[in-house]
Amino acid sequence: MDFVAILRDKLSELGQLITPGVDLAAPVPSCGDWTFYDLVDHVGQGNLWVVTGIREGRGDYQGAPAPKDPVELRAWYDETVQALLEAVAVAPETPAWTFTKLLSRTVGFWQRRRAQETLMHVWDGKNALGIAEEFDPAQAADGIAEVFELFAPRMIQRGLASEPEVAIRVRATDTGASWTYGPGTPVAEISGTASDLLLALWQRKPAEDAALTWQGNRSAGERVLAGPLVP
């Protein structure tokens, strides 16, 4: 999967939402009490944080708040995009600072992580504006894999979640891929499109959403998904 191409496309999509007439105070329901401005500031600051991690080998970047005028905000955001795309335009195996040892400490980690981060936040922004779209199935499936490879174990490692007592199977009906999380034989299965499953894992869609189908011990499965699996 060409994560740099995905990242470039998704960063561009988010930028296109920052128009002169956009309501920066518009709420982003999928991100707590964030406004659209907060969302753009978060992505832009994250871009610069990663640039610092790659180029300077440190994770303590602290930037000034983004401009609050829509035109200036778009210009600032575009500068962060350019800086990030330049930083990740190297071989994936190039060493880099990352926030975890669970996966490789390379630029390839950031190519994937920022692609997935931006993918989700483009959805957040479009959802706030009433124009949300489903994810590409392959990109969503990779996002699901990342949750179980990185975030779920990291939440346990950080003491923010407990080890699951039972296992659940997560099955994507459109890609045929499935994932098992937890010990032993799965006691429950949740299925749906990769897009709907990724949204559920990232708490953008409730586990009881009609787009998702349950089999087996649903209450036990819901407790596993409640984790929390992600930050």
Protein backbone atom coordinates (compact mmCIF):
# COMPACT_ATOMS: atom_id res chain seq x y z
CA MET A 1 0.00 0.00 0.00
CA ASP A 2 1.38 3.40 -0.99
CA PHE A 3 0.94 5.23 2.29
CA VAL A 4 2.68 8.38 1.08
CA ALA A 5 0.22 8.69 -1.82
CA ILE A 6 -2.71 8.11 0.54
CA LEU A 7 -1.31 10.67 2.96
CA ARG A 8 -0.87 13.23 0.20
CA ASP A 9 -4.43 12.73 -1.04
CA LYS A 10 -6.02 12.88 2.40
CA LEU A 11 -4.05 15.95 3.48
CA SER A 12 -5.25 17.62 0.29
CA GLU A 13 -8.86 16.61 1.00
CA LEU A 14 -8.73 18.19 4.43
CA GLY A 15 -7.14 21.33 3.03
CA GLN A 16 -9.95 21.69 0.52
CA LEU A 17 -12.41 21.94 3.43
CA ILE A 18 -10.63 25.05 4.77
CA THR A 19 -12.40 27.61 2.60
CA PRO A 20 -12.72 31.38 3.23
CA GLY A 21 -16.33 30.86 4.27
CA VAL A 22 -15.90 27.82 6.48
CA ASP A 23 -17.33 28.08 9.99
CA LEU A 24 -14.27 27.46 12.17
CA ALA A 25 -16.53 27.27 15.22
CA ALA A 26 -18.59 24.42 13.76
CA PRO A 27 -18.66 21.50 16.21
CA VAL A 28 -16.98 18.20 15.28
CA PRO A 29 -19.29 15.69 17.01
CA SER A 30 -16.92 12.74 16.59
CA CYS A 31 -14.11 14.53 18.46
CA GLY A 32 -15.71 15.54 21.76
CA ASP A 33 -15.87 19.30 22.21
CA TRP A 34 -13.60 20.13 19.28
CA THR A 35 -14.51 22.73 16.70
CA PHE A 36 -13.47 22.59 13.05
CA TYR A 37 -10.63 24.96 13.93
CA ASP A 38 -9.44 22.57 16.65
CA LEU A 39 -9.44 19.71 14.14
CA VAL A 40 -7.31 21.59 11.61
CA ASP A 41 -4.96 22.82 14.34
CA HIS A 42 -4.59 19.24 15.64
CA VAL A 43 -3.70 17.82 12.23
CA GLY A 44 -1.31 20.65 11.38
CA GLN A 45 0.45 20.51 14.75
CA GLY A 46 0.66 16.73 14.37
CA ASN A 47 2.29 17.17 10.99
CA LEU A 48 4.99 19.39 12.51
CA TRP A 49 5.42 17.04 15.48
CA VAL A 50 6.20 14.20 13.09
CA VAL A 51 8.57 16.36 11.05
CA THR A 52 10.49 17.07 14.27
CA GLY A 53 10.51 13.39 15.16
CA ILE A 54 11.93 12.41 11.79
CA ARG A 55 14.43 15.22 11.30
CA GLU A 56 15.53 15.89 14.88
CA GLY A 57 14.84 12.56 16.59
CA ARG A 58 12.69 14.01 19.36
CA GLY A 59 9.03 14.02 20.28
CA ASP A 60 8.74 17.23 22.32
CA TYR A 61 7.61 19.62 19.57
CA GLN A 62 5.41 22.42 20.90
CA GLY A 63 4.06 24.85 18.33
CA ALA A 64 2.14 28.11 18.57
CA PRO A 65 -1.62 27.87 17.92
CA ALA A 66 -2.68 28.02 14.31
CA PRO A 67 -4.10 31.29 12.89
CA LYS A 68 -7.84 31.76 13.37
CA ASP A 69 -8.53 33.56 10.12
CA PRO A 70 -9.67 30.96 7.54
CA VAL A 71 -7.36 32.23 4.78
CA GLU A 72 -4.34 32.38 7.08
CA LEU A 73 -5.28 29.01 8.57
CA ARG A 74 -5.29 27.42 5.11
CA ALA A 75 -1.87 28.90 4.33
CA TRP A 76 -0.47 27.66 7.65
CA TYR A 77 -1.97 24.22 7.15
CA ASP A 78 -0.54 23.96 3.63
CA GLU A 79 2.93 24.79 5.02
CA THR A 80 2.65 21.94 7.54
CA VAL A 81 1.56 19.59 4.77
CA GLN A 82 4.53 20.50 2.61
CA ALA A 83 6.92 20.02 5.51
CA LEU A 84 5.49 16.61 6.36
CA LEU A 85 5.46 15.35 2.78
CA GLU A 86 9.10 16.37 2.38
CA ALA A 87 10.04 14.63 5.65
CA VAL A 88 8.40 11.31 4.74
CA ALA A 89 9.73 11.28 1.17
CA VAL A 90 12.57 8.92 2.07
CA ALA A 91 13.00 5.15 2.24
CA PRO A 92 10.51 3.59 4.70
CA GLU A 93 13.35 1.84 6.57
CA THR A 94 15.04 5.15 7.43
CA PRO A 95 15.37 5.35 11.27
CA ALA A 96 13.14 7.87 13.03
CA TRP A 97 11.89 8.72 16.50
CA THR A 98 8.41 7.31 17.17
CA PHE A 99 6.18 7.24 20.22
CA THR A 100 6.29 3.46 20.62
CA LYS A 101 8.53 0.42 20.35
CA LEU A 102 5.61 -1.85 19.44
CA LEU A 103 6.28 -1.31 15.73
CA SER A 104 9.39 -0.36 13.78
CA ARG A 105 11.01 2.94 14.71
CA THR A 106 11.33 4.11 11.14
CA VAL A 107 9.90 6.64 8.71
CA GLY A 108 7.71 3.81 7.41
CA PHE A 109 5.90 3.85 10.75
CA TRP A 110 5.04 7.50 10.22
CA GLN A 111 4.07 7.05 6.60
CA ARG A 112 1.39 4.59 7.69
CA ARG A 113 0.43 6.31 10.95
CA ARG A 114 -0.07 9.74 9.42
CA ALA A 115 -1.98 8.25 6.48
CA GLN A 116 -4.38 6.57 8.90
CA GLU A 117 -4.54 9.59 11.21
CA THR A 118 -5.42 11.91 8.35
CA LEU A 119 -7.86 9.40 6.86
CA MET A 120 -9.87 9.46 10.08
CA HIS A 121 -9.70 13.21 10.55
CA VAL A 122 -10.84 13.89 7.00
CA TRP A 123 -13.89 11.80 7.90
CA ASP A 124 -14.31 13.85 11.09
CA GLY A 125 -14.18 17.10 9.16
CA LYS A 126 -16.55 15.96 6.45
CA ASN A 127 -18.90 14.48 9.03
CA ALA A 128 -19.00 17.84 10.80
CA LEU A 129 -19.96 19.47 7.50
CA GLY A 130 -22.54 16.78 6.67
CA ILE A 131 -20.61 15.29 3.75
CA ALA A 132 -18.91 12.23 5.29
CA GLU A 133 -18.01 9.37 2.96
CA GLU A 134 -17.13 5.72 3.47
CA PHE A 135 -13.47 4.76 3.58
CA ASP A 136 -11.78 2.85 0.80
CA PRO A 137 -12.09 -0.82 1.92
CA ALA A 138 -8.36 -1.61 1.66
CA GLN A 139 -7.38 1.53 3.56
CA ALA A 140 -9.98 0.82 6.24
CA ALA A 141 -8.80 -2.77 6.59
CA ASP A 142 -5.26 -1.55 7.17
CA GLY A 143 -6.61 0.85 9.77
CA ILE A 144 -8.29 -2.03 11.60
CA ALA A 145 -5.04 -4.00 11.54
CA GLU A 146 -3.21 -0.98 12.96
CA VAL A 147 -5.64 -0.77 15.86
CA PHE A 148 -4.84 -4.33 16.92
CA GLU A 149 -1.12 -4.16 16.12
CA LEU A 150 -0.47 -0.81 17.79
CA PHE A 151 -3.17 0.96 19.72
CA ALA A 152 -4.96 -1.81 21.63
CA PRO A 153 -1.73 -3.23 23.11
CA ARG A 154 -0.40 0.28 23.73
CA MET A 155 -3.50 1.23 25.70
CA ILE A 156 -2.85 -1.78 27.95
CA GLN A 157 0.85 -0.97 28.17
CA ARG A 158 0.03 2.58 29.29
CA GLY A 159 -2.41 1.37 31.95
CA LEU A 160 -5.39 2.93 30.16
CA ALA A 161 -7.11 -0.39 29.42
CA SER A 162 -7.12 -3.92 30.82
CA GLU A 163 -6.22 -7.12 29.01
CA PRO A 164 -9.38 -8.55 27.42
CA GLU A 165 -10.74 -11.54 29.32
CA VAL A 166 -12.15 -13.19 26.19
CA ALA A 167 -11.58 -12.97 22.45
CA ILE A 168 -13.67 -11.31 19.76
CA ARG A 169 -13.49 -11.79 16.00
CA VAL A 170 -13.82 -8.70 13.79
CA ARG A 171 -14.76 -9.61 10.21
CA ALA A 172 -14.90 -7.30 7.20
CA THR A 173 -17.67 -8.41 4.85
CA ASP A 174 -16.30 -6.51 1.86
CA THR A 175 -12.62 -7.51 1.99
CA GLY A 176 -12.89 -10.97 3.55
CA ALA A 177 -10.27 -10.09 6.17
CA SER A 178 -10.77 -10.91 9.83
CA TRP A 179 -8.93 -10.20 13.07
CA THR A 180 -9.08 -11.89 16.46
CA TYR A 181 -8.43 -9.85 19.57
CA GLY A 182 -8.15 -11.42 22.99
CA PRO A 183 -7.22 -14.83 24.42
CA GLY A 184 -8.56 -18.18 23.23
CA THR A 185 -11.37 -18.96 20.84
CA PRO A 186 -13.58 -15.95 20.02
CA VAL A 187 -16.83 -15.88 21.98
CA ALA A 188 -18.39 -13.28 19.69
CA GLU A 189 -18.06 -11.86 16.20
CA ILE A 190 -18.82 -8.40 14.90
CA SER A 191 -19.03 -7.98 11.14
CA GLY A 192 -19.63 -5.19 8.68
CA THR A 193 -17.81 -3.32 5.97
CA ALA A 194 -14.21 -2.45 6.77
CA SER A 195 -15.25 1.21 6.80
CA ASP A 196 -18.01 0.68 9.38
CA LEU A 197 -15.77 -1.52 11.53
CA LEU A 198 -12.95 1.02 11.55
CA LEU A 199 -15.38 3.74 12.59
CA ALA A 200 -16.64 1.50 15.39
CA LEU A 201 -13.14 0.71 16.65
CA TRP A 202 -12.32 4.42 16.70
CA GLN A 203 -15.56 5.17 18.57
CA ARG A 204 -17.10 7.09 15.66
CA LYS A 205 -19.90 4.55 15.33
CA PRO A 206 -21.62 2.76 18.25
CA ALA A 207 -21.30 -1.01 18.55
CA GLU A 208 -25.08 -1.29 18.30
CA ASP A 209 -25.22 0.53 14.95
CA ALA A 210 -27.53 -1.18 12.45
CA ALA A 211 -24.67 -1.43 9.94
CA LEU A 212 -22.89 -3.89 12.24
CA THR A 213 -23.91 -7.51 12.80
CA TRP A 214 -23.23 -9.51 15.96
CA GLN A 215 -23.00 -13.24 16.51
CA GLY A 216 -22.28 -15.17 19.70
CA ASN A 217 -21.96 -13.55 23.13
CA ARG A 218 -22.63 -9.97 22.14
CA SER A 219 -22.42 -8.51 25.65
CA ALA A 220 -18.97 -10.03 26.15
CA GLY A 221 -17.90 -8.80 22.72
CA GLU A 222 -19.07 -5.28 23.46
CA ARG A 223 -17.07 -5.27 26.71
CA VAL A 224 -13.94 -6.17 24.74
CA LEU A 225 -14.56 -3.40 22.21
CA ALA A 226 -15.19 -0.93 25.04
CA GLY A 227 -11.51 -1.47 25.94
CA PRO A 228 -10.82 1.33 25.20
CA LEU A 229 -8.85 0.11 22.19
CA VAL A 230 -7.69 3.55 21.03
CA PRO A 231 -6.76 6.86 22.67
